[in-house]
Amino acid sequence: MATDNDKEQQQQGDRIDYGIILTIMLLALIGCVAIFMATANASSTSAAIKAVVMQVVWYGIGSAGVAIVMRFDTEQLWRIAPVLYWIGIFLLIAVLFLYDRQTALANGAKSWFKFGPITFQPSEVMKPAYILMLARVVTLHNAEMSHTIRNDFRLLGQMLIWTLPVVALMILQHDFGSTLVFLAIFAGWC
């Protein structure tokens, strides 16, 4: 007889798509090779190895984040979506004042924090938070409203309200690439 713990492990195992994991691992490997080759051509081999190691560290942090998020069910994610969104907004505002000057001079964008050897772009935290927030808005709207043209335009307005602060902060950071990503996410939901 299966226990509740066995059923939970079975459900957790059902949520893992190993084909996607293999694809992501191959892309990560290709990314590391590309980083090494690009960095080795521009500087020394030790700098290239350091860049690859930092990328692998970020892959590890991202993987840990994915493992943590997989522990939440949809209802829990909907509840924390506004908190994550506002943390992301706070980070996007903070980077306007605390950005790394050297990185801003190099690429023209005020969108990076630097903590010793580690650089961090808050928009990368904001992307999943923004997607969760839009998913929450759409889900709650569809649960409460019928599909009419008027209600659909109301939904678009709500989504736009959550999108405008993010896009405005990206524009203030002079980060055109991330601005386009957020606009693409918004367009994907429309």
C-alpha atoms as a PDB file:
ATOM      1  CA  MET A   1       0.000   0.000   0.000  1.00  0.00           C
ATOM      2  CA  ALA A   2       1.427   3.381  -0.994  1.00  0.00           C
ATOM      3  CA  THR A   3       1.944   5.929   1.738  1.00  0.00           C
ATOM      4  CA  ASP A   4       1.332   9.667   1.381  1.00  0.00           C
ATOM      5  CA  ASN A   5       5.101  10.219   1.186  1.00  0.00           C
ATOM      6  CA  ASP A   6       5.368   7.716  -1.695  1.00  0.00           C
ATOM      7  CA  LYS A   7       2.531   9.472  -3.534  1.00  0.00           C
ATOM      8  CA  GLU A   8       4.205  12.862  -3.028  1.00  0.00           C
ATOM      9  CA  GLN A   9       7.505  11.544  -4.385  1.00  0.00           C
ATOM     10  CA  GLN A  10       5.671   9.987  -7.344  1.00  0.00           C
ATOM     11  CA  GLN A  11       3.952  13.323  -8.121  1.00  0.00           C
ATOM     12  CA  GLN A  12       7.269  15.168  -7.788  1.00  0.00           C
ATOM     13  CA  GLY A  13       8.876  12.707 -10.186  1.00  0.00           C
ATOM     14  CA  ASP A  14       6.018  13.185 -12.661  1.00  0.00           C
ATOM     15  CA  ARG A  15       6.713  16.937 -12.720  1.00  0.00           C
ATOM     16  CA  ILE A  16      10.270  16.479 -13.995  1.00  0.00           C
ATOM     17  CA  ASP A  17      10.739  16.416 -17.769  1.00  0.00           C
ATOM     18  CA  TYR A  18      14.118  14.809 -18.323  1.00  0.00           C
ATOM     19  CA  GLY A  19      14.133  15.741 -22.021  1.00  0.00           C
ATOM     20  CA  ILE A  20      14.048  19.419 -21.061  1.00  0.00           C
ATOM     21  CA  ILE A  21      16.753  18.888 -18.447  1.00  0.00           C
ATOM     22  CA  LEU A  22      19.009  17.217 -21.029  1.00  0.00           C
ATOM     23  CA  THR A  23      18.393  20.051 -23.497  1.00  0.00           C
ATOM     24  CA  ILE A  24      19.160  22.680 -20.863  1.00  0.00           C
ATOM     25  CA  MET A  25      22.349  20.868 -19.847  1.00  0.00           C
ATOM     26  CA  LEU A  26      23.500  20.744 -23.481  1.00  0.00           C
ATOM     27  CA  LEU A  27      22.752  24.445 -23.914  1.00  0.00           C
ATOM     28  CA  ALA A  28      24.638  25.189 -20.693  1.00  0.00           C
ATOM     29  CA  LEU A  29      27.630  23.234 -21.961  1.00  0.00           C
ATOM     30  CA  ILE A  30      27.531  25.082 -25.297  1.00  0.00           C
ATOM     31  CA  GLY A  31      27.235  28.363 -23.371  1.00  0.00           C
ATOM     32  CA  CYS A  32      30.288  27.554 -21.249  1.00  0.00           C
ATOM     33  CA  VAL A  33      32.326  26.671 -24.345  1.00  0.00           C
ATOM     34  CA  ALA A  34      31.203  29.912 -26.037  1.00  0.00           C
ATOM     35  CA  ILE A  35      32.099  31.971 -22.952  1.00  0.00           C
ATOM     36  CA  PHE A  36      35.507  30.308 -22.752  1.00  0.00           C
ATOM     37  CA  MET A  37      36.242  30.890 -26.431  1.00  0.00           C
ATOM     38  CA  ALA A  38      35.058  34.505 -26.411  1.00  0.00           C
ATOM     39  CA  THR A  39      36.922  35.344 -23.206  1.00  0.00           C
ATOM     40  CA  ALA A  40      40.104  33.475 -24.171  1.00  0.00           C
ATOM     41  CA  ASN A  41      40.300  35.457 -27.410  1.00  0.00           C
ATOM     42  CA  ALA A  42      39.903  38.763 -25.569  1.00  0.00           C
ATOM     43  CA  SER A  43      42.143  38.049 -22.558  1.00  0.00           C
ATOM     44  CA  SER A  44      44.167  35.338 -20.830  1.00  0.00           C
ATOM     45  CA  THR A  45      43.239  31.690 -20.355  1.00  0.00           C
ATOM     46  CA  SER A  46      42.937  32.193 -16.595  1.00  0.00           C
ATOM     47  CA  ALA A  47      40.371  34.957 -17.146  1.00  0.00           C
ATOM     48  CA  ALA A  48      38.456  32.634 -19.478  1.00  0.00           C
ATOM     49  CA  ILE A  49      38.459  29.844 -16.894  1.00  0.00           C
ATOM     50  CA  LYS A  50      37.292  32.310 -14.224  1.00  0.00           C
ATOM     51  CA  ALA A  51      34.403  33.424 -16.470  1.00  0.00           C
ATOM     52  CA  VAL A  52      33.355  29.821 -17.091  1.00  0.00           C
ATOM     53  CA  VAL A  53      33.557  28.990 -13.382  1.00  0.00           C
ATOM     54  CA  MET A  54      31.350  32.002 -12.556  1.00  0.00           C
ATOM     55  CA  GLN A  55      28.847  30.850 -15.179  1.00  0.00           C
ATOM     56  CA  VAL A  56      28.806  27.354 -13.677  1.00  0.00           C
ATOM     57  CA  VAL A  57      28.249  28.899 -10.224  1.00  0.00           C
ATOM     58  CA  TRP A  58      25.245  30.805 -11.615  1.00  0.00           C
ATOM     59  CA  TYR A  59      23.970  27.578 -13.211  1.00  0.00           C
ATOM     60  CA  GLY A  60      24.197  25.967  -9.778  1.00  0.00           C
ATOM     61  CA  ILE A  61      22.354  28.846  -8.114  1.00  0.00           C
ATOM     62  CA  GLY A  62      19.695  28.706 -10.822  1.00  0.00           C
ATOM     63  CA  SER A  63      19.324  24.945 -10.434  1.00  0.00           C
ATOM     64  CA  ALA A  64      18.907  25.323  -6.673  1.00  0.00           C
ATOM     65  CA  GLY A  65      16.267  27.985  -7.339  1.00  0.00           C
ATOM     66  CA  VAL A  66      14.418  25.657  -9.697  1.00  0.00           C
ATOM     67  CA  ALA A  67      14.535  22.836  -7.130  1.00  0.00           C
ATOM     68  CA  ILE A  68      13.090  25.166  -4.494  1.00  0.00           C
ATOM     69  CA  VAL A  69      10.338  26.500  -6.763  1.00  0.00           C
ATOM     70  CA  MET A  70       9.329  22.948  -7.715  1.00  0.00           C
ATOM     71  CA  ARG A  71       8.439  22.346  -4.063  1.00  0.00           C
ATOM     72  CA  PHE A  72       5.646  24.932  -4.271  1.00  0.00           C
ATOM     73  CA  ASP A  73       2.227  24.195  -5.656  1.00  0.00           C
ATOM     74  CA  THR A  74       0.374  26.672  -7.868  1.00  0.00           C
ATOM     75  CA  GLU A  75      -1.624  28.201  -5.033  1.00  0.00           C
ATOM     76  CA  GLN A  76       1.523  28.929  -3.046  1.00  0.00           C
ATOM     77  CA  LEU A  77       3.170  30.488  -6.095  1.00  0.00           C
ATOM     78  CA  TRP A  78       0.135  32.755  -6.625  1.00  0.00           C
ATOM     79  CA  ARG A  79       0.382  33.912  -3.010  1.00  0.00           C
ATOM     80  CA  ILE A  80       4.081  34.784  -3.184  1.00  0.00           C
ATOM     81  CA  ALA A  81       3.944  36.303  -6.693  1.00  0.00           C
ATOM     82  CA  PRO A  82       3.192  39.873  -5.453  1.00  0.00           C
ATOM     83  CA  VAL A  83       5.979  39.647  -2.870  1.00  0.00           C
ATOM     84  CA  LEU A  84       8.482  38.505  -5.488  1.00  0.00           C
ATOM     85  CA  TYR A  85       7.264  41.199  -7.891  1.00  0.00           C
ATOM     86  CA  TRP A  86       7.778  43.975  -5.333  1.00  0.00           C
ATOM     87  CA  ILE A  87      11.190  42.606  -4.339  1.00  0.00           C
ATOM     88  CA  GLY A  88      12.077  42.740  -8.031  1.00  0.00           C
ATOM     89  CA  ILE A  89      10.820  46.334  -8.308  1.00  0.00           C
ATOM     90  CA  PHE A  90      12.865  47.278  -5.234  1.00  0.00           C
ATOM     91  CA  LEU A  91      15.999  45.745  -6.782  1.00  0.00           C
ATOM     92  CA  LEU A  92      15.358  47.528 -10.089  1.00  0.00           C
ATOM     93  CA  ILE A  93      15.081  50.839  -8.238  1.00  0.00           C
ATOM     94  CA  ALA A  94      18.140  50.115  -6.067  1.00  0.00           C
ATOM     95  CA  VAL A  95      20.329  49.357  -9.082  1.00  0.00           C
ATOM     96  CA  LEU A  96      19.625  52.866 -10.418  1.00  0.00           C
ATOM     97  CA  PHE A  97      21.591  54.230  -7.451  1.00  0.00           C
ATOM     98  CA  LEU A  98      23.968  51.397  -6.592  1.00  0.00           C
ATOM     99  CA  TYR A  99      24.963  50.178 -10.062  1.00  0.00           C
ATOM    100  CA  ASP A 100      28.512  49.171 -10.878  1.00  0.00           C
ATOM    101  CA  ARG A 101      30.112  52.237 -12.482  1.00  0.00           C
ATOM    102  CA  GLN A 102      32.749  50.254 -14.357  1.00  0.00           C
ATOM    103  CA  THR A 103      30.190  47.947 -15.978  1.00  0.00           C
ATOM    104  CA  ALA A 104      28.006  50.940 -16.857  1.00  0.00           C
ATOM    105  CA  LEU A 105      30.959  52.592 -18.594  1.00  0.00           C
ATOM    106  CA  ALA A 106      31.673  49.398 -20.518  1.00  0.00           C
ATOM    107  CA  ASN A 107      28.155  48.682 -21.759  1.00  0.00           C
ATOM    108  CA  GLY A 108      26.190  51.893 -21.180  1.00  0.00           C
ATOM    109  CA  ALA A 109      23.550  50.308 -18.938  1.00  0.00           C
ATOM    110  CA  LYS A 110      23.079  50.991 -15.221  1.00  0.00           C
ATOM    111  CA  SER A 111      21.721  47.515 -14.653  1.00  0.00           C
ATOM    112  CA  TRP A 112      24.380  45.605 -12.726  1.00  0.00           C
ATOM    113  CA  PHE A 113      25.307  45.259  -9.075  1.00  0.00           C
ATOM    114  CA  LYS A 114      28.819  44.157  -8.267  1.00  0.00           C
ATOM    115  CA  PHE A 115      29.780  42.382  -5.063  1.00  0.00           C
ATOM    116  CA  GLY A 116      33.493  41.685  -5.207  1.00  0.00           C
ATOM    117  CA  PRO A 117      34.065  39.405  -8.181  1.00  0.00           C
ATOM    118  CA  ILE A 118      30.338  38.664  -8.581  1.00  0.00           C
ATOM    119  CA  THR A 119      28.125  40.754 -10.837  1.00  0.00           C
ATOM    120  CA  PHE A 120      24.353  40.530 -10.566  1.00  0.00           C
ATOM    121  CA  GLN A 121      21.607  41.888 -12.810  1.00  0.00           C
ATOM    122  CA  PRO A 122      18.323  42.446 -10.916  1.00  0.00           C
ATOM    123  CA  SER A 123      16.285  42.131 -14.105  1.00  0.00           C
ATOM    124  CA  GLU A 124      17.134  38.414 -14.056  1.00  0.00           C
ATOM    125  CA  VAL A 125      15.294  38.121 -10.725  1.00  0.00           C
ATOM    126  CA  MET A 126      12.460  40.234 -12.058  1.00  0.00           C
ATOM    127  CA  LYS A 127      11.788  38.068 -15.114  1.00  0.00           C
ATOM    128  CA  PRO A 128      10.363  35.032 -13.273  1.00  0.00           C
ATOM    129  CA  ALA A 129       8.677  37.300 -10.698  1.00  0.00           C
ATOM    130  CA  TYR A 130       7.012  39.275 -13.498  1.00  0.00           C
ATOM    131  CA  ILE A 131       5.897  36.094 -15.282  1.00  0.00           C
ATOM    132  CA  LEU A 132       4.411  34.755 -12.028  1.00  0.00           C
ATOM    133  CA  MET A 133       2.656  38.063 -11.412  1.00  0.00           C
ATOM    134  CA  LEU A 134       1.122  38.116 -14.886  1.00  0.00           C
ATOM    135  CA  ALA A 135       0.088  34.466 -14.504  1.00  0.00           C
ATOM    136  CA  ARG A 136      -1.589  35.337 -11.215  1.00  0.00           C
ATOM    137  CA  VAL A 137      -3.371  38.341 -12.714  1.00  0.00           C
ATOM    138  CA  VAL A 138      -4.642  36.315 -15.690  1.00  0.00           C
ATOM    139  CA  THR A 139      -5.707  33.355 -13.547  1.00  0.00           C
ATOM    140  CA  LEU A 140      -7.575  35.479 -11.010  1.00  0.00           C
ATOM    141  CA  HIS A 141      -9.215  37.525 -13.760  1.00  0.00           C
ATOM    142  CA  ASN A 142     -10.369  34.428 -15.650  1.00  0.00           C
ATOM    143  CA  ALA A 143     -11.724  32.865 -12.448  1.00  0.00           C
ATOM    144  CA  GLU A 144     -13.793  35.965 -11.633  1.00  0.00           C
ATOM    145  CA  MET A 145     -14.849  37.268 -15.056  1.00  0.00           C
ATOM    146  CA  SER A 146     -16.486  35.855 -18.139  1.00  0.00           C
ATOM    147  CA  HIS A 147     -14.790  36.233 -21.506  1.00  0.00           C
ATOM    148  CA  THR A 148     -16.230  39.315 -23.132  1.00  0.00           C
ATOM    149  CA  ILE A 149     -14.434  41.949 -25.168  1.00  0.00           C
ATOM    150  CA  ARG A 150     -14.874  44.459 -22.351  1.00  0.00           C
ATOM    151  CA  ASN A 151     -13.475  42.084 -19.725  1.00  0.00           C
ATOM    152  CA  ASP A 152     -10.600  41.107 -22.006  1.00  0.00           C
ATOM    153  CA  PHE A 153      -9.649  44.765 -22.404  1.00  0.00           C
ATOM    154  CA  ARG A 154      -9.895  45.127 -18.622  1.00  0.00           C
ATOM    155  CA  LEU A 155      -7.446  42.222 -18.299  1.00  0.00           C
ATOM    156  CA  LEU A 156      -5.065  43.853 -20.772  1.00  0.00           C
ATOM    157  CA  GLY A 157      -5.260  47.038 -18.704  1.00  0.00           C
ATOM    158  CA  GLN A 158      -4.442  45.159 -15.512  1.00  0.00           C
ATOM    159  CA  MET A 159      -1.504  43.446 -17.194  1.00  0.00           C
ATOM    160  CA  LEU A 160      -0.298  46.802 -18.517  1.00  0.00           C
ATOM    161  CA  ILE A 161      -0.438  48.288 -15.004  1.00  0.00           C
ATOM    162  CA  TRP A 162       1.940  45.557 -13.786  1.00  0.00           C
ATOM    163  CA  THR A 163       4.149  45.932 -16.875  1.00  0.00           C
ATOM    164  CA  LEU A 164       4.660  49.711 -17.023  1.00  0.00           C
ATOM    165  CA  PRO A 165       6.785  50.058 -13.846  1.00  0.00           C
ATOM    166  CA  VAL A 166       9.104  47.282 -14.995  1.00  0.00           C
ATOM    167  CA  VAL A 167       9.536  48.725 -18.487  1.00  0.00           C
ATOM    168  CA  ALA A 168       9.994  52.255 -17.127  1.00  0.00           C
ATOM    169  CA  LEU A 169      12.751  51.073 -14.770  1.00  0.00           C
ATOM    170  CA  MET A 170      14.442  49.178 -17.604  1.00  0.00           C
ATOM    171  CA  ILE A 171      14.391  52.328 -19.742  1.00  0.00           C
ATOM    172  CA  LEU A 172      15.867  54.359 -16.863  1.00  0.00           C
ATOM    173  CA  GLN A 173      18.674  51.791 -16.649  1.00  0.00           C
ATOM    174  CA  HIS A 174      19.329  52.146 -20.397  1.00  0.00           C
ATOM    175  CA  ASP A 175      18.900  48.389 -20.726  1.00  0.00           C
ATOM    176  CA  PHE A 176      17.196  48.060 -24.096  1.00  0.00           C
ATOM    177  CA  GLY A 177      17.712  44.291 -24.317  1.00  0.00           C
ATOM    178  CA  SER A 178      15.914  43.548 -21.049  1.00  0.00           C
ATOM    179  CA  THR A 179      13.197  46.046 -21.969  1.00  0.00           C
ATOM    180  CA  LEU A 180      12.529  44.041 -25.125  1.00  0.00           C
ATOM    181  CA  VAL A 181      12.437  40.806 -23.124  1.00  0.00           C
ATOM    182  CA  PHE A 182       9.784  42.194 -20.764  1.00  0.00           C
ATOM    183  CA  LEU A 183       7.758  43.548 -23.683  1.00  0.00           C
ATOM    184  CA  ALA A 184       8.006  40.138 -25.369  1.00  0.00           C
ATOM    185  CA  ILE A 185       6.765  38.454 -22.184  1.00  0.00           C
ATOM    186  CA  PHE A 186       3.857  40.897 -22.055  1.00  0.00           C
ATOM    187  CA  ALA A 187       3.067  40.304 -25.741  1.00  0.00           C
ATOM    188  CA  GLY A 188       3.206  36.557 -25.157  1.00  0.00           C
ATOM    189  CA  TRP A 189       0.474  36.859 -22.550  1.00  0.00           C
ATOM    190  CA  CYS A 190      -1.727  39.004 -24.795  1.00  0.00           C
END
